[in-house]
Amino acid sequence: MYAVIKTGGKQYRVSPGDVLRVETLSAEEGETWTFDTVLMISDGDDLMVGSPIIEGAKVEAQIRSHGRRKKVEIIKFRRRKHHQKRTGHRQNYTEICIQTINGNK
C-alpha cells in the first residue's frame, strides 16, 4: 500500500514505515502530524485517484526530528571583471516516519 501526498509544494510517494525529510512543519518532536492533501492511494490492484485530492483521506506521520540540510554553495563569477561572489544556503527540514494511510472507501 502506498499513497502520494503533497506538502511544502512537493509531492512524495509514501508507504507505512517510510522515513523522509520534508519542508519544516510546525510541530514538536514525537507528535503526530496528519497530511490531508492526499492525491492518490494504491492498495494492490485497487487505485484511487483524486481530482485533485481524495476527500476524507489522511496519512498520519510521527515527527522524528528537525534539522538543517547540507550547505549548497552558490558561486557567481564574471570573467575578466575581477568580480566573484560566494554565498551558501542551508534548508531547514523535518524528518517524519509514516504511520498509517487511511482512505475513504
N, C-alpha and C. Protein backbone atom coordinates (compact mmCIF):
# COMPACT_ATOMS: atom_id res chain seq x y z
N MET A 1 0.85 -1.18 0.00
CA MET A 1 0.00 0.00 0.00
C MET A 1 0.89 1.23 0.00
N TYR A 2 0.54 2.20 -0.84
CA TYR A 2 1.26 3.46 -0.85
C TYR A 2 0.31 4.59 -1.19
N ALA A 3 0.77 5.80 -0.94
CA ALA A 3 -0.02 6.99 -1.23
C ALA A 3 0.90 8.08 -1.76
N VAL A 4 0.32 9.03 -2.45
CA VAL A 4 1.05 10.21 -2.91
C VAL A 4 0.46 11.40 -2.17
N ILE A 5 1.32 12.08 -1.39
CA ILE A 5 0.87 13.25 -0.63
C ILE A 5 1.58 14.49 -1.13
N LYS A 6 1.00 15.63 -0.80
CA LYS A 6 1.59 16.91 -1.18
C LYS A 6 1.84 17.72 0.08
N THR A 7 3.08 18.17 0.25
CA THR A 7 3.43 19.03 1.38
C THR A 7 4.63 19.88 0.99
N GLY A 8 4.60 21.13 1.38
CA GLY A 8 5.71 22.03 1.10
C GLY A 8 5.92 22.28 -0.37
N GLY A 9 4.86 22.17 -1.18
CA GLY A 9 4.98 22.42 -2.62
C GLY A 9 5.58 21.26 -3.39
N LYS A 10 5.76 20.12 -2.75
CA LYS A 10 6.33 18.94 -3.39
C LYS A 10 5.41 17.74 -3.18
N GLN A 11 5.57 16.74 -4.03
CA GLN A 11 4.79 15.52 -3.91
C GLN A 11 5.71 14.37 -3.52
N TYR A 12 5.23 13.50 -2.63
CA TYR A 12 6.01 12.38 -2.14
C TYR A 12 5.19 11.11 -2.23
N ARG A 13 5.84 10.02 -2.67
CA ARG A 13 5.21 8.71 -2.63
C ARG A 13 5.63 8.05 -1.32
N VAL A 14 4.66 7.70 -0.49
CA VAL A 14 4.96 7.20 0.86
C VAL A 14 4.25 5.87 1.10
N SER A 15 4.86 5.05 1.93
CA SER A 15 4.30 3.79 2.41
C SER A 15 4.45 3.76 3.92
N PRO A 16 3.65 2.96 4.63
CA PRO A 16 3.82 2.87 6.08
C PRO A 16 5.23 2.39 6.43
N GLY A 17 5.87 3.10 7.36
CA GLY A 17 7.22 2.77 7.77
C GLY A 17 8.30 3.58 7.08
N ASP A 18 7.96 4.33 6.04
CA ASP A 18 8.94 5.16 5.33
C ASP A 18 9.39 6.32 6.21
N VAL A 19 10.67 6.67 6.10
CA VAL A 19 11.24 7.83 6.79
C VAL A 19 11.70 8.79 5.71
N LEU A 20 11.21 10.04 5.76
CA LEU A 20 11.61 11.02 4.76
C LEU A 20 11.73 12.39 5.38
N ARG A 21 12.42 13.27 4.65
CA ARG A 21 12.63 14.65 5.09
C ARG A 21 11.78 15.57 4.22
N VAL A 22 10.93 16.36 4.86
CA VAL A 22 10.05 17.29 4.17
C VAL A 22 10.35 18.70 4.64
N GLU A 23 9.71 19.68 4.00
CA GLU A 23 9.87 21.07 4.45
C GLU A 23 9.42 21.19 5.90
N THR A 24 9.92 22.17 6.60
CA THR A 24 9.69 22.32 8.03
C THR A 24 8.21 22.36 8.38
N LEU A 25 7.82 21.54 9.36
CA LEU A 25 6.46 21.51 9.89
C LEU A 25 6.49 22.11 11.29
N SER A 26 5.42 22.80 11.67
CA SER A 26 5.37 23.46 12.97
C SER A 26 4.81 22.50 14.02
N ALA A 27 5.59 21.50 14.39
CA ALA A 27 5.20 20.54 15.42
C ALA A 27 6.44 20.12 16.19
N GLU A 28 6.22 19.65 17.40
CA GLU A 28 7.33 19.21 18.24
C GLU A 28 7.69 17.76 17.91
N GLU A 29 8.90 17.37 18.28
CA GLU A 29 9.35 16.00 18.07
C GLU A 29 8.48 15.04 18.87
N GLY A 30 8.09 13.94 18.26
CA GLY A 30 7.26 12.95 18.92
C GLY A 30 5.77 13.12 18.67
N GLU A 31 5.35 14.26 18.17
CA GLU A 31 3.93 14.49 17.89
C GLU A 31 3.52 13.77 16.61
N THR A 32 2.20 13.63 16.43
CA THR A 32 1.66 13.03 15.21
C THR A 32 1.13 14.13 14.31
N TRP A 33 1.49 14.08 13.04
CA TRP A 33 1.08 15.06 12.05
C TRP A 33 0.18 14.36 11.03
N THR A 34 -0.92 15.00 10.64
CA THR A 34 -1.85 14.43 9.68
C THR A 34 -1.79 15.21 8.38
N PHE A 35 -1.49 14.50 7.28
CA PHE A 35 -1.49 15.09 5.95
C PHE A 35 -2.85 14.79 5.33
N ASP A 36 -3.60 15.86 4.96
CA ASP A 36 -4.92 15.64 4.38
C ASP A 36 -4.96 15.95 2.88
N THR A 37 -3.84 16.37 2.30
CA THR A 37 -3.78 16.58 0.85
C THR A 37 -3.21 15.31 0.21
N VAL A 38 -4.05 14.29 0.13
CA VAL A 38 -3.66 13.00 -0.45
C VAL A 38 -4.13 12.99 -1.90
N LEU A 39 -3.19 12.81 -2.83
CA LEU A 39 -3.51 12.86 -4.25
C LEU A 39 -3.87 11.51 -4.82
N MET A 40 -3.30 10.42 -4.26
CA MET A 40 -3.56 9.09 -4.79
C MET A 40 -3.29 8.05 -3.71
N ILE A 41 -4.08 6.96 -3.71
CA ILE A 41 -3.86 5.84 -2.82
C ILE A 41 -3.93 4.56 -3.63
N SER A 42 -2.95 3.69 -3.46
CA SER A 42 -2.92 2.40 -4.14
C SER A 42 -2.83 1.29 -3.10
N ASP A 43 -3.72 0.29 -3.23
CA ASP A 43 -3.70 -0.86 -2.35
C ASP A 43 -3.78 -2.10 -3.22
N GLY A 44 -2.64 -2.55 -3.71
CA GLY A 44 -2.62 -3.68 -4.63
C GLY A 44 -3.19 -3.27 -5.98
N ASP A 45 -4.29 -3.91 -6.39
CA ASP A 45 -4.93 -3.57 -7.67
C ASP A 45 -5.93 -2.43 -7.53
N ASP A 46 -6.29 -2.08 -6.30
CA ASP A 46 -7.25 -1.00 -6.06
C ASP A 46 -6.52 0.33 -6.08
N LEU A 47 -6.93 1.23 -6.98
CA LEU A 47 -6.27 2.53 -7.14
C LEU A 47 -7.32 3.63 -7.05
N MET A 48 -7.10 4.60 -6.14
CA MET A 48 -7.98 5.76 -6.01
C MET A 48 -7.17 7.01 -6.35
N VAL A 49 -7.67 7.76 -7.34
CA VAL A 49 -7.01 8.99 -7.77
C VAL A 49 -7.95 10.14 -7.50
N GLY A 50 -7.45 11.18 -6.85
CA GLY A 50 -8.27 12.35 -6.53
C GLY A 50 -8.31 13.33 -7.67
N SER A 51 -9.23 14.28 -7.56
CA SER A 51 -9.31 15.32 -8.57
C SER A 51 -9.51 16.68 -7.90
N PRO A 52 -8.53 17.35 -7.38
CA PRO A 52 -7.13 16.96 -7.30
C PRO A 52 -6.79 16.14 -6.05
N ILE A 53 -7.63 16.20 -4.99
CA ILE A 53 -7.32 15.43 -3.78
C ILE A 53 -8.46 14.46 -3.49
N ILE A 54 -8.16 13.45 -2.68
CA ILE A 54 -9.17 12.50 -2.26
C ILE A 54 -9.79 13.03 -0.98
N GLU A 55 -11.10 13.26 -1.01
CA GLU A 55 -11.80 13.81 0.15
C GLU A 55 -11.84 12.78 1.27
N GLY A 56 -11.47 13.19 2.48
CA GLY A 56 -11.53 12.33 3.65
C GLY A 56 -10.33 11.42 3.83
N ALA A 57 -9.42 11.38 2.88
CA ALA A 57 -8.24 10.53 3.00
C ALA A 57 -7.18 11.23 3.85
N LYS A 58 -6.48 10.46 4.67
CA LYS A 58 -5.46 11.03 5.56
C LYS A 58 -4.26 10.11 5.64
N VAL A 59 -3.10 10.71 5.79
CA VAL A 59 -1.86 9.99 6.05
C VAL A 59 -1.30 10.54 7.35
N GLU A 60 -1.06 9.66 8.31
CA GLU A 60 -0.54 10.09 9.60
C GLU A 60 0.94 9.75 9.69
N ALA A 61 1.69 10.69 10.25
CA ALA A 61 3.14 10.53 10.39
C ALA A 61 3.57 11.02 11.76
N GLN A 62 4.65 10.45 12.25
CA GLN A 62 5.22 10.88 13.53
C GLN A 62 6.45 11.74 13.24
N ILE A 63 6.54 12.87 13.93
CA ILE A 63 7.69 13.76 13.78
C ILE A 63 8.88 13.15 14.51
N ARG A 64 9.98 12.93 13.79
CA ARG A 64 11.17 12.34 14.41
C ARG A 64 12.16 13.41 14.85
N SER A 65 12.46 14.36 13.97
CA SER A 65 13.44 15.38 14.32
C SER A 65 13.33 16.56 13.36
N HIS A 66 13.98 17.65 13.75
CA HIS A 66 14.12 18.84 12.91
C HIS A 66 15.61 19.05 12.69
N GLY A 67 15.97 19.61 11.54
CA GLY A 67 17.38 19.84 11.28
C GLY A 67 17.58 20.75 10.09
N ARG A 68 18.84 20.80 9.66
CA ARG A 68 19.21 21.61 8.50
C ARG A 68 20.02 20.75 7.55
N ARG A 69 19.75 20.92 6.26
CA ARG A 69 20.45 20.13 5.26
C ARG A 69 21.89 20.59 5.08
N LYS A 70 22.62 19.85 4.26
CA LYS A 70 23.99 20.20 3.93
C LYS A 70 24.01 21.51 3.14
N LYS A 71 25.05 22.30 3.32
CA LYS A 71 25.13 23.60 2.66
C LYS A 71 25.31 23.47 1.15
N VAL A 72 24.54 24.26 0.42
CA VAL A 72 24.68 24.36 -1.03
C VAL A 72 25.43 25.65 -1.29
N GLU A 73 26.57 25.54 -1.98
CA GLU A 73 27.38 26.73 -2.26
C GLU A 73 26.99 27.33 -3.60
N ILE A 74 26.81 28.65 -3.60
CA ILE A 74 26.47 29.39 -4.81
C ILE A 74 27.65 30.29 -5.14
N ILE A 75 28.18 30.16 -6.34
CA ILE A 75 29.33 30.98 -6.77
C ILE A 75 28.92 31.76 -8.01
N LYS A 76 29.03 33.08 -7.92
CA LYS A 76 28.76 33.93 -9.07
C LYS A 76 30.10 34.51 -9.51
N PHE A 77 30.42 34.35 -10.78
CA PHE A 77 31.73 34.73 -11.27
C PHE A 77 31.58 35.41 -12.62
N ARG A 78 32.26 36.56 -12.77
CA ARG A 78 32.27 37.26 -14.05
C ARG A 78 33.71 37.33 -14.53
N ARG A 79 33.94 36.73 -15.65
CA ARG A 79 35.31 36.67 -16.14
C ARG A 79 35.82 38.05 -16.56
N ARG A 80 37.09 38.26 -16.36
CA ARG A 80 37.83 39.47 -16.73
C ARG A 80 37.31 40.73 -16.04
N LYS A 81 36.51 40.63 -15.00
CA LYS A 81 35.97 41.81 -14.34
C LYS A 81 36.41 41.91 -12.88
N HIS A 82 37.22 40.98 -12.41
CA HIS A 82 37.65 40.94 -11.02
C HIS A 82 36.45 40.93 -10.08
N HIS A 83 35.47 40.10 -10.45
CA HIS A 83 34.25 40.01 -9.64
C HIS A 83 33.95 38.54 -9.35
N GLN A 84 33.86 38.24 -8.07
CA GLN A 84 33.50 36.89 -7.66
C GLN A 84 32.71 36.99 -6.37
N LYS A 85 31.60 36.27 -6.29
CA LYS A 85 30.75 36.32 -5.11
C LYS A 85 30.42 34.89 -4.68
N ARG A 86 30.62 34.59 -3.41
CA ARG A 86 30.33 33.25 -2.89
C ARG A 86 29.31 33.37 -1.77
N THR A 87 28.24 32.61 -1.89
CA THR A 87 27.23 32.55 -0.83
C THR A 87 26.83 31.09 -0.65
N GLY A 88 26.04 30.84 0.36
CA GLY A 88 25.58 29.48 0.61
C GLY A 88 24.17 29.50 1.16
N HIS A 89 23.56 28.31 1.17
CA HIS A 89 22.19 28.18 1.68
C HIS A 89 22.04 26.83 2.36
N ARG A 90 21.41 26.82 3.53
CA ARG A 90 21.08 25.58 4.23
C ARG A 90 19.58 25.58 4.48
N GLN A 91 18.88 24.58 3.91
CA GLN A 91 17.43 24.49 4.02
C GLN A 91 17.04 23.73 5.28
N ASN A 92 16.04 24.23 5.99
CA ASN A 92 15.51 23.53 7.16
C ASN A 92 14.64 22.36 6.71
N TYR A 93 14.58 21.31 7.53
CA TYR A 93 13.73 20.18 7.20
C TYR A 93 13.16 19.57 8.47
N THR A 94 12.13 18.73 8.30
CA THR A 94 11.56 17.93 9.37
C THR A 94 11.59 16.48 8.91
N GLU A 95 12.14 15.62 9.73
CA GLU A 95 12.19 14.20 9.40
C GLU A 95 10.97 13.52 10.00
N ILE A 96 10.22 12.80 9.16
CA ILE A 96 9.00 12.16 9.61
C ILE A 96 9.03 10.65 9.30
N CYS A 97 8.21 9.91 10.03
CA CYS A 97 8.04 8.47 9.80
C CYS A 97 6.56 8.23 9.55
N ILE A 98 6.22 7.66 8.41
CA ILE A 98 4.82 7.43 8.05
C ILE A 98 4.28 6.28 8.89
N GLN A 99 3.12 6.51 9.54
CA GLN A 99 2.50 5.51 10.39
C GLN A 99 1.36 4.77 9.68
N THR A 100 0.33 5.51 9.25
CA THR A 100 -0.83 4.88 8.64
C THR A 100 -1.30 5.66 7.43
N ILE A 101 -1.99 4.94 6.53
CA ILE A 101 -2.63 5.54 5.36
C ILE A 101 -4.10 5.16 5.44
N ASN A 102 -4.98 6.17 5.52
CA ASN A 102 -6.41 5.93 5.63
C ASN A 102 -7.12 6.57 4.44
N GLY A 103 -7.84 5.76 3.67
CA GLY A 103 -8.63 6.27 2.56
C GLY A 103 -10.09 6.01 2.82
N ASN A 104 -10.96 6.86 2.31
CA ASN A 104 -12.40 6.63 2.49
C ASN A 104 -12.92 5.75 1.38
N LYS A 105 -13.42 4.59 1.73
CA LYS A 105 -13.91 3.66 0.72
C LYS A 105 -15.38 3.42 0.89
